PDB file of N, CA and C in Angstrom:
ATOM      1  N   MET A   1      -1.148   0.793  83.378  1.00  0.00           N
ATOM      2  CA  MET A   1      -1.753  -0.559  83.250  1.00  0.00           C
ATOM      3  C   MET A   1      -3.059  -0.435  83.850  1.00  0.00           C
ATOM      4  N   ALA A   2      -4.361  -0.944  84.372  1.00  0.00           N
ATOM      5  CA  ALA A   2      -5.641  -1.056  84.903  1.00  0.00           C
ATOM      6  C   ALA A   2      -5.074  -2.540  85.438  1.00  0.00           C
ATOM      7  N   GLU A   3      -5.641  -2.776  86.571  1.00  0.00           N
ATOM      8  CA  GLU A   3      -6.004  -3.523  87.674  1.00  0.00           C
ATOM      9  C   GLU A   3      -6.262  -4.390  86.782  1.00  0.00           C
ATOM     10  N   ASP A   4      -5.898  -5.657  87.677  1.00  0.00           N
ATOM     11  CA  ASP A   4      -6.871  -7.234  86.925  1.00  0.00           C
ATOM     12  C   ASP A   4      -7.197  -7.891  87.599  1.00  0.00           C
ATOM     13  N   ARG A   5      -7.256  -7.354  89.090  1.00  0.00           N
ATOM     14  CA  ARG A   5      -8.522  -7.938  89.949  1.00  0.00           C
ATOM     15  C   ARG A   5      -9.977  -7.381  89.458  1.00  0.00           C
ATOM     16  N   PRO A   6     -10.564  -8.168  90.585  1.00  0.00           N
ATOM     17  CA  PRO A   6     -12.100  -7.776  90.035  1.00  0.00           C
ATOM     18  C   PRO A   6     -12.645  -6.246  90.921  1.00  0.00           C
ATOM     19  N   PRO A   7     -13.412  -5.785  91.033  1.00  0.00           N
ATOM     20  CA  PRO A   7     -14.090  -4.242  92.288  1.00  0.00           C
ATOM     21  C   PRO A   7     -14.763  -4.856  92.917  1.00  0.00           C
ATOM     22  N   ASP A   8     -14.822  -4.322  94.029  1.00  0.00           N
ATOM     23  CA  ASP A   8     -14.651  -5.586  95.652  1.00  0.00           C
ATOM     24  C   ASP A   8     -16.380  -4.595  96.001  1.00  0.00           C
ATOM     25  N   ALA A   9     -16.854  -5.002  96.446  1.00  0.00           N
ATOM     26  CA  ALA A   9     -18.499  -5.071  96.698  1.00  0.00           C
ATOM     27  C   ALA A   9     -19.201  -3.538  97.425  1.00  0.00           C
ATOM     28  N   ARG A  10     -17.867  -2.575  97.577  1.00  0.00           N
ATOM     29  CA  ARG A  10     -17.863  -0.964  98.002  1.00  0.00           C
ATOM     30  C   ARG A  10     -18.182  -0.467  96.554  1.00  0.00           C
ATOM     31  N   GLN A  11     -17.182  -0.792  95.625  1.00  0.00           N
ATOM     32  CA  GLN A  11     -17.068  -0.173  94.148  1.00  0.00           C
ATOM     33  C   GLN A  11     -17.864  -0.558  93.783  1.00  0.00           C
ATOM     34  N   MET A  12     -18.873  -1.681  93.893  1.00  0.00           N
ATOM     35  CA  MET A  12     -19.479  -2.330  93.024  1.00  0.00           C
ATOM     36  C   MET A  12     -21.094  -1.355  93.068  1.00  0.00           C
ATOM     37  N   GLY A  13     -21.248  -1.386  94.715  1.00  0.00           N
ATOM     38  CA  GLY A  13     -22.062  -0.952  95.058  1.00  0.00           C
ATOM     39  C   GLY A  13     -22.187   0.898  94.715  1.00  0.00           C
ATOM     40  N   LEU A  14     -21.226   1.348  94.374  1.00  0.00           N
ATOM     41  CA  LEU A  14     -20.922   2.501  94.309  1.00  0.00           C
ATOM     42  C   LEU A  14     -21.441   2.657  92.174  1.00  0.00           C
ATOM     43  N   TYR A  15     -20.801   1.856  92.021  1.00  0.00           N
ATOM     44  CA  TYR A  15     -21.178   1.500  90.140  1.00  0.00           C
ATOM     45  C   TYR A  15     -22.964   1.061  90.360  1.00  0.00           C
ATOM     46  N   LEU A  16     -23.802   1.017  90.893  1.00  0.00           N
ATOM     47  CA  LEU A  16     -24.917   0.109  90.421  1.00  0.00           C
ATOM     48  C   LEU A  16     -25.779   1.614  90.996  1.00  0.00           C
ATOM     49  N   ALA A  17     -25.251   2.263  91.427  1.00  0.00           N
ATOM     50  CA  ALA A  17     -25.690   3.589  92.580  1.00  0.00           C
ATOM     51  C   ALA A  17     -25.514   4.575  91.520  1.00  0.00           C
ATOM     52  N   LEU A  18     -24.711   4.819  90.707  1.00  0.00           N
ATOM     53  CA  LEU A  18     -24.279   5.679  89.777  1.00  0.00           C
ATOM     54  C   LEU A  18     -25.053   5.358  88.494  1.00  0.00           C
ATOM     55  N   ALA A  19     -24.816   4.092  88.322  1.00  0.00           N
ATOM     56  CA  ALA A  19     -26.397   3.420  86.928  1.00  0.00           C
ATOM     57  C   ALA A  19     -27.261   4.533  87.619  1.00  0.00           C
ATOM     58  N   GLN A  20     -28.045   4.216  88.555  1.00  0.00           N
ATOM     59  CA  GLN A  20     -29.228   3.311  89.327  1.00  0.00           C
ATOM     60  C   GLN A  20     -29.941   5.593  88.689  1.00  0.00           C
ATOM     61  N   VAL A  21     -28.749   6.571  89.699  1.00  0.00           N
ATOM     62  CA  VAL A  21     -29.132   7.584  89.121  1.00  0.00           C
ATOM     63  C   VAL A  21     -29.444   8.331  87.635  1.00  0.00           C
ATOM     64  N   GLY A  22     -28.632   8.019  86.656  1.00  0.00           N
ATOM     65  CA  GLY A  22     -28.592   7.280  85.474  1.00  0.00           C
ATOM     66  C   GLY A  22     -30.034   7.990  84.587  1.00  0.00           C
ATOM     67  N   LEU A  23     -30.307   6.156  85.619  1.00  0.00           N
ATOM     68  CA  LEU A  23     -31.572   5.713  85.114  1.00  0.00           C
ATOM     69  C   LEU A  23     -33.021   6.658  85.088  1.00  0.00           C
ATOM     70  N   GLU A  24     -32.550   7.027  86.956  1.00  0.00           N
ATOM     71  CA  GLU A  24     -33.402   7.595  87.172  1.00  0.00           C
ATOM     72  C   GLU A  24     -34.089   9.560  86.500  1.00  0.00           C
ATOM     73  N   MET A  25     -32.604   9.379  85.929  1.00  0.00           N
ATOM     74  CA  MET A  25     -32.453  11.036  85.034  1.00  0.00           C
ATOM     75  C   MET A  25     -33.694  10.690  84.141  1.00  0.00           C
ATOM     76  N   VAL A  26     -33.212   9.741  82.715  1.00  0.00           N
ATOM     77  CA  VAL A  26     -33.285   9.807  81.701  1.00  0.00           C
ATOM     78  C   VAL A  26     -34.925   8.807  81.706  1.00  0.00           C
ATOM     79  N   ALA A  27     -35.100   7.629  82.769  1.00  0.00           N
ATOM     80  CA  ALA A  27     -36.986   7.240  82.648  1.00  0.00           C
ATOM     81  C   ALA A  27     -37.912   8.526  82.478  1.00  0.00           C
ATOM     82  N   PRO A  28     -37.780   9.616  83.513  1.00  0.00           N
ATOM     83  CA  PRO A  28     -39.476  10.348  83.070  1.00  0.00           C
ATOM     84  C   PRO A  28     -39.061  11.249  81.839  1.00  0.00           C
ATOM     85  N   MET A  29     -38.074  11.319  81.386  1.00  0.00           N
ATOM     86  CA  MET A  29     -38.036  11.564  80.114  1.00  0.00           C
ATOM     87  C   MET A  29     -38.500  10.641  78.886  1.00  0.00           C
ATOM     88  N   PHE A  30     -38.524   9.270  78.986  1.00  0.00           N
ATOM     89  CA  PHE A  30     -39.087   8.645  78.301  1.00  0.00           C
ATOM     90  C   PHE A  30     -41.123   8.676  78.461  1.00  0.00           C
ATOM     91  N   LEU A  31     -40.601   8.336  79.463  1.00  0.00           N
ATOM     92  CA  LEU A  31     -42.085   8.598  80.371  1.00  0.00           C
ATOM     93  C   LEU A  31     -42.893   9.222  79.447  1.00  0.00           C
ATOM     94  N   GLY A  32     -42.484  11.186  79.541  1.00  0.00           N
ATOM     95  CA  GLY A  32     -43.504  12.307  79.211  1.00  0.00           C
ATOM     96  C   GLY A  32     -43.703  11.578  77.748  1.00  0.00           C
ATOM     97  N   LEU A  33     -42.325  11.297  77.148  1.00  0.00           N
ATOM     98  CA  LEU A  33     -42.990  11.045  75.982  1.00  0.00           C
ATOM     99  C   LEU A  33     -44.072  10.052  75.056  1.00  0.00           C
ATOM    100  N   VAL A  34     -43.948   9.057  75.951  1.00  0.00           N
ATOM    101  CA  VAL A  34     -44.370   8.042  75.814  1.00  0.00           C
ATOM    102  C   VAL A  34     -46.224   8.649  75.785  1.00  0.00           C
ATOM    103  N   ILE A  35     -46.471   9.444  77.315  1.00  0.00           N
ATOM    104  CA  ILE A  35     -47.558  10.564  77.760  1.00  0.00           C
ATOM    105  C   ILE A  35     -48.418  11.508  76.387  1.00  0.00           C
ATOM    106  N   ASP A  36     -46.708  12.488  76.246  1.00  0.00           N
ATOM    107  CA  ASP A  36     -47.100  13.006  74.838  1.00  0.00           C
ATOM    108  C   ASP A  36     -48.015  11.870  73.504  1.00  0.00           C
ATOM    109  N   ASN A  37     -47.241  11.027  73.602  1.00  0.00           N
ATOM    110  CA  ASN A  37     -48.004  10.381  71.792  1.00  0.00           C
ATOM    111  C   ASN A  37     -49.523   9.992  72.404  1.00  0.00           C
ATOM    112  N   TYR A  38     -49.763  10.034  73.068  1.00  0.00           N
ATOM    113  CA  TYR A  38     -50.769   9.381  73.954  1.00  0.00           C
ATOM    114  C   TYR A  38     -52.141  10.313  73.780  1.00  0.00           C
ATOM    115  N   ALA A  39     -51.143  11.561  74.652  1.00  0.00           N
ATOM    116  CA  ALA A  39     -52.204  12.492  74.662  1.00  0.00           C
ATOM    117  C   ALA A  39     -52.538  14.088  73.472  1.00  0.00           C
ATOM    118  N   GLY A  40     -51.285  13.753  73.516  1.00  0.00           N
ATOM    119  CA  GLY A  40     -50.906  14.699  71.705  1.00  0.00           C
ATOM    120  C   GLY A  40     -51.263  16.262  72.267  1.00  0.00           C
ATOM    121  N   THR A  41     -49.729  15.856  73.159  1.00  0.00           N
ATOM    122  CA  THR A  41     -49.223  17.006  74.229  1.00  0.00           C
ATOM    123  C   THR A  41     -48.258  18.038  73.260  1.00  0.00           C
ATOM    124  N   LEU A  42     -47.229  17.577  73.084  1.00  0.00           N
ATOM    125  CA  LEU A  42     -46.153  17.253  72.689  1.00  0.00           C
ATOM    126  C   LEU A  42     -45.423  18.831  72.769  1.00  0.00           C
ATOM    127  N   PRO A  43     -44.850  19.127  73.209  1.00  0.00           N
ATOM    128  CA  PRO A  43     -43.893  18.489  74.380  1.00  0.00           C
ATOM    129  C   PRO A  43     -43.847  18.714  75.922  1.00  0.00           C
ATOM    130  N   TRP A  44     -45.047  18.520  76.213  1.00  0.00           N
ATOM    131  CA  TRP A  44     -45.134  19.254  77.309  1.00  0.00           C
ATOM    132  C   TRP A  44     -44.690  18.296  78.576  1.00  0.00           C
ATOM    133  N   PHE A  45     -46.063  17.146  78.498  1.00  0.00           N
ATOM    134  CA  PHE A  45     -44.778  16.274  79.622  1.00  0.00           C
ATOM    135  C   PHE A  45     -43.705  15.558  79.683  1.00  0.00           C
ATOM    136  N   MET A  46     -42.544  15.379  77.978  1.00  0.00           N
ATOM    137  CA  MET A  46     -41.698  15.205  78.042  1.00  0.00           C
ATOM    138  C   MET A  46     -41.136  16.559  79.193  1.00  0.00           C
ATOM    139  N   ILE A  47     -41.043  17.769  78.455  1.00  0.00           N
ATOM    140  CA  ILE A  47     -40.229  18.935  79.567  1.00  0.00           C
ATOM    141  C   ILE A  47     -40.096  18.692  80.676  1.00  0.00           C
ATOM    142  N   ALA A  48     -41.648  18.220  81.251  1.00  0.00           N
ATOM    143  CA  ALA A  48     -41.785  18.046  82.517  1.00  0.00           C
ATOM    144  C   ALA A  48     -40.579  16.784  82.636  1.00  0.00           C
ATOM    145  N   GLY A  49     -41.307  15.746  81.944  1.00  0.00           N
ATOM    146  CA  GLY A  49     -40.127  14.435  82.419  1.00  0.00           C
ATOM    147  C   GLY A  49     -38.569  14.937  82.805  1.00  0.00           C
ATOM    148  N   ILE A  50     -38.206  15.390  81.464  1.00  0.00           N
ATOM    149  CA  ILE A  50     -36.445  15.884  81.392  1.00  0.00           C
ATOM    150  C   ILE A  50     -36.259  16.553  82.697  1.00  0.00           C
ATOM    151  N   ILE A  51     -37.260  18.030  83.251  1.00  0.00           N
ATOM    152  CA  ILE A  51     -36.525  18.656  84.648  1.00  0.00           C
ATOM    153  C   ILE A  51     -37.449  17.613  85.442  1.00  0.00           C
ATOM    154  N   LEU A  52     -38.113  16.301  85.877  1.00  0.00           N
ATOM    155  CA  LEU A  52     -38.019  16.154  87.208  1.00  0.00           C
ATOM    156  C   LEU A  52     -37.276  15.551  87.417  1.00  0.00           C
ATOM    157  N   GLY A  53     -36.603  14.764  85.656  1.00  0.00           N
ATOM    158  CA  GLY A  53     -35.306  13.619  86.103  1.00  0.00           C
ATOM    159  C   GLY A  53     -34.300  14.132  86.959  1.00  0.00           C
ATOM    160  N   PHE A  54     -33.648  15.575  85.646  1.00  0.00           N
ATOM    161  CA  PHE A  54     -32.629  16.209  86.044  1.00  0.00           C
ATOM    162  C   PHE A  54     -33.230  16.408  87.528  1.00  0.00           C
ATOM    163  N   VAL A  55     -34.021  17.243  88.277  1.00  0.00           N
ATOM    164  CA  VAL A  55     -33.754  17.495  90.286  1.00  0.00           C
ATOM    165  C   VAL A  55     -34.066  16.116  90.962  1.00  0.00           C
ATOM    166  N   GLY A  56     -34.130  15.421  90.516  1.00  0.00           N
ATOM    167  CA  GLY A  56     -34.218  14.180  90.765  1.00  0.00           C
ATOM    168  C   GLY A  56     -32.726  13.528  90.868  1.00  0.00           C
ATOM    169  N   GLY A  57     -32.581  13.357  89.778  1.00  0.00           N
ATOM    170  CA  GLY A  57     -31.180  12.593  89.511  1.00  0.00           C
ATOM    171  C   GLY A  57     -30.011  13.680  90.531  1.00  0.00           C
ATOM    172  N   ILE A  58     -30.118  14.953  90.283  1.00  0.00           N
ATOM    173  CA  ILE A  58     -29.255  15.695  91.011  1.00  0.00           C
ATOM    174  C   ILE A  58     -28.877  15.770  92.458  1.00  0.00           C
ATOM    175  N   TYR A  59     -30.756  15.920  92.898  1.00  0.00           N
ATOM    176  CA  TYR A  59     -31.368  14.877  94.127  1.00  0.00           C
ATOM    177  C   TYR A  59     -29.985  13.934  94.644  1.00  0.00           C
ATOM    178  N   HIS A  60     -30.180  12.872  93.857  1.00  0.00           N
ATOM    179  CA  HIS A  60     -29.214  11.468  94.483  1.00  0.00           C
ATOM    180  C   HIS A  60     -28.391  11.407  94.788  1.00  0.00           C
ATOM    181  N   ILE A  61     -27.210  12.160  93.760  1.00  0.00           N
ATOM    182  CA  ILE A  61     -26.091  13.109  93.870  1.00  0.00           C
ATOM    183  C   ILE A  61     -25.626  13.151  94.693  1.00  0.00           C
ATOM    184  N   VAL A  62     -26.233  13.792  95.749  1.00  0.00           N
ATOM    185  CA  VAL A  62     -26.241  15.259  96.745  1.00  0.00           C
ATOM    186  C   VAL A  62     -25.916  13.637  98.193  1.00  0.00           C
ATOM    187  N   ILE A  63     -27.496  13.009  97.899  1.00  0.00           N
ATOM    188  CA  ILE A  63     -27.311  12.551  98.648  1.00  0.00           C
ATOM    189  C   ILE A  63     -26.748  11.392  99.005  1.00  0.00           C
ATOM    190  N   LEU A  64     -25.727  10.954  98.080  1.00  0.00           N
ATOM    191  CA  LEU A  64     -24.541   9.586  97.447  1.00  0.00           C
ATOM    192  C   LEU A  64     -23.418  10.012  98.054  1.00  0.00           C
ATOM    193  N   THR A  65     -23.314  11.521  97.751  1.00  0.00           N
ATOM    194  CA  THR A  65     -22.316  12.426  97.734  1.00  0.00           C
ATOM    195  C   THR A  65     -22.017  12.062  99.520  1.00  0.00           C
ATOM    196  N   ARG A  66     -23.154  12.435 100.251  1.00  0.00           N
ATOM    197  CA  ARG A  66     -23.012  12.320 101.775  1.00  0.00           C
ATOM    198  C   ARG A  66     -23.150  11.185 102.075  1.00  0.00           C
ATOM    199  N   LYS A  67     -23.063  10.709 102.064  1.00  0.00           N
ATOM    200  CA  LYS A  67     -22.672   9.273 102.378  1.00  0.00           C
ATOM    201  C   LYS A  67     -22.011   9.111 102.112  1.00  0.00           C
ATOM    202  N   LEU A  68     -20.992   9.309 100.749  1.00  0.00           N
ATOM    203  CA  LEU A  68     -20.193   8.879 101.081  1.00  0.00           C
ATOM    204  C   LEU A  68     -18.540   9.567 101.984  1.00  0.00           C
ATOM    205  N   ASP A  69     -19.056  10.428 102.031  1.00  0.00           N
ATOM    206  CA  ASP A  69     -18.175  11.610 102.965  1.00  0.00           C
ATOM    207  C   ASP A  69     -17.986  11.620 104.177  1.00  0.00           C
ATOM    208  N   ALA A  70     -19.578  11.177 104.729  1.00  0.00           N
ATOM    209  CA  ALA A  70     -19.471  10.297 106.303  1.00  0.00           C
ATOM    210  C   ALA A  70     -18.855   8.726 106.249  1.00  0.00           C
ATOM    211  N   ALA A  71     -18.934   8.202 104.646  1.00  0.00           N
ATOM    212  CA  ALA A  71     -18.648   6.866 105.695  1.00  0.00           C
ATOM    213  C   ALA A  71     -16.931   7.275 105.136  1.00  0.00           C
ATOM    214  N   ARG A  72     -16.447   7.954 104.368  1.00  0.00           N
ATOM    215  CA  ARG A  72     -14.718   8.519 104.368  1.00  0.00           C
ATOM    216  C   ARG A  72     -14.737   8.977 105.821  1.00  0.00           C
ATOM    217  N   ARG A  73     -15.087   9.805 105.840  1.00  0.00           N
ATOM    218  CA  ARG A  73     -14.368  10.318 107.805  1.00  0.00           C
ATOM    219  C   ARG A  73     -14.862   9.746 108.891  1.00  0.00           C
ATOM    220  N   GLU A  74     -15.621   8.737 108.979  1.00  0.00           N
ATOM    221  CA  GLU A  74     -15.776   7.518 109.491  1.00  0.00           C
ATOM    222  C   GLU A  74     -14.614   6.779 109.578  1.00  0.00           C
ATOM    223  N   ARG A  75     -14.002   6.775 108.634  1.00  0.00           N
ATOM    224  CA  ARG A  75     -13.209   5.567 107.963  1.00  0.00           C
ATOM    225  C   ARG A  75     -11.759   6.187 108.274  1.00  0.00           C
ATOM    226  N   GLU A  76     -11.353   7.096 108.017  1.00  0.00           N
ATOM    227  CA  GLU A  76     -10.489   8.578 108.744  1.00  0.00           C
ATOM    228  C   GLU A  76     -10.118   8.719 110.297  1.00  0.00           C
ATOM    229  N   LYS A  77     -11.538   9.026 110.405  1.00  0.00           N
ATOM    230  CA  LYS A  77     -11.249   8.964 111.695  1.00  0.00           C
ATOM    231  C   LYS A  77     -10.267   8.452 112.669  1.00  0.00           C
ATOM    232  N   PRO A  78      -9.351   8.892 114.049  1.00  0.00           N
ATOM    233  CA  PRO A  78      -8.333   8.193 115.165  1.00  0.00           C
ATOM    234  C   PRO A  78      -8.681   7.134 115.313  1.00  0.00           C
ATOM    235  N   GLY A  79      -8.623   5.986 115.625  1.00  0.00           N
ATOM    236  CA  GLY A  79      -8.632   5.351 116.223  1.00  0.00           C
ATOM    237  C   GLY A  79      -9.397   4.509 115.853  1.00  0.00           C
ATOM    238  N   SER A  80     -11.000   4.218 114.411  1.00  0.00           N
ATOM    239  CA  SER A  80     -11.125   3.731 113.364  1.00  0.00           C
ATOM    240  C   SER A  80     -10.484   2.811 113.233  1.00  0.00           C
ATOM    241  N   ASN A  81     -11.233   0.995 113.659  1.00  0.00           N
ATOM    242  CA  ASN A  81     -10.618   0.208 112.710  1.00  0.00           C
ATOM    243  C   ASN A  81     -11.142  -0.496 111.798  1.00  0.00           C
ATOM    244  N   ALA A  82     -11.773   0.266 110.510  1.00  0.00           N
ATOM    245  CA  ALA A  82     -12.170   0.198 109.435  1.00  0.00           C
ATOM    246  C   ALA A  82     -11.225   0.279 108.331  1.00  0.00           C
ATOM    247  N   PRO A  83     -11.481  -0.609 107.431  1.00  0.00           N
ATOM    248  CA  PRO A  83     -10.322  -1.014 106.278  1.00  0.00           C
ATOM    249  C   PRO A  83     -10.749   0.556 105.326  1.00  0.00           C
TER     250      PRO A  83
END
């Protein structure tokens, strides 16, 4: 059964960061679609938005992973008093 306690601040920060990554990946596609509709260039700006969103999202995931890994190493360091 799932735990009944609410997530702590660290977990909420992680969830918020993951939601931001998802938005970063989807928003450029919709922006490209809007530009395409006004400029009549369908589908080129949408494709560029998809590529830009994908690259930006993957980059952000790599940065988040490195930060989380560094924090985990710091917590596991001998003599560290971090929870």
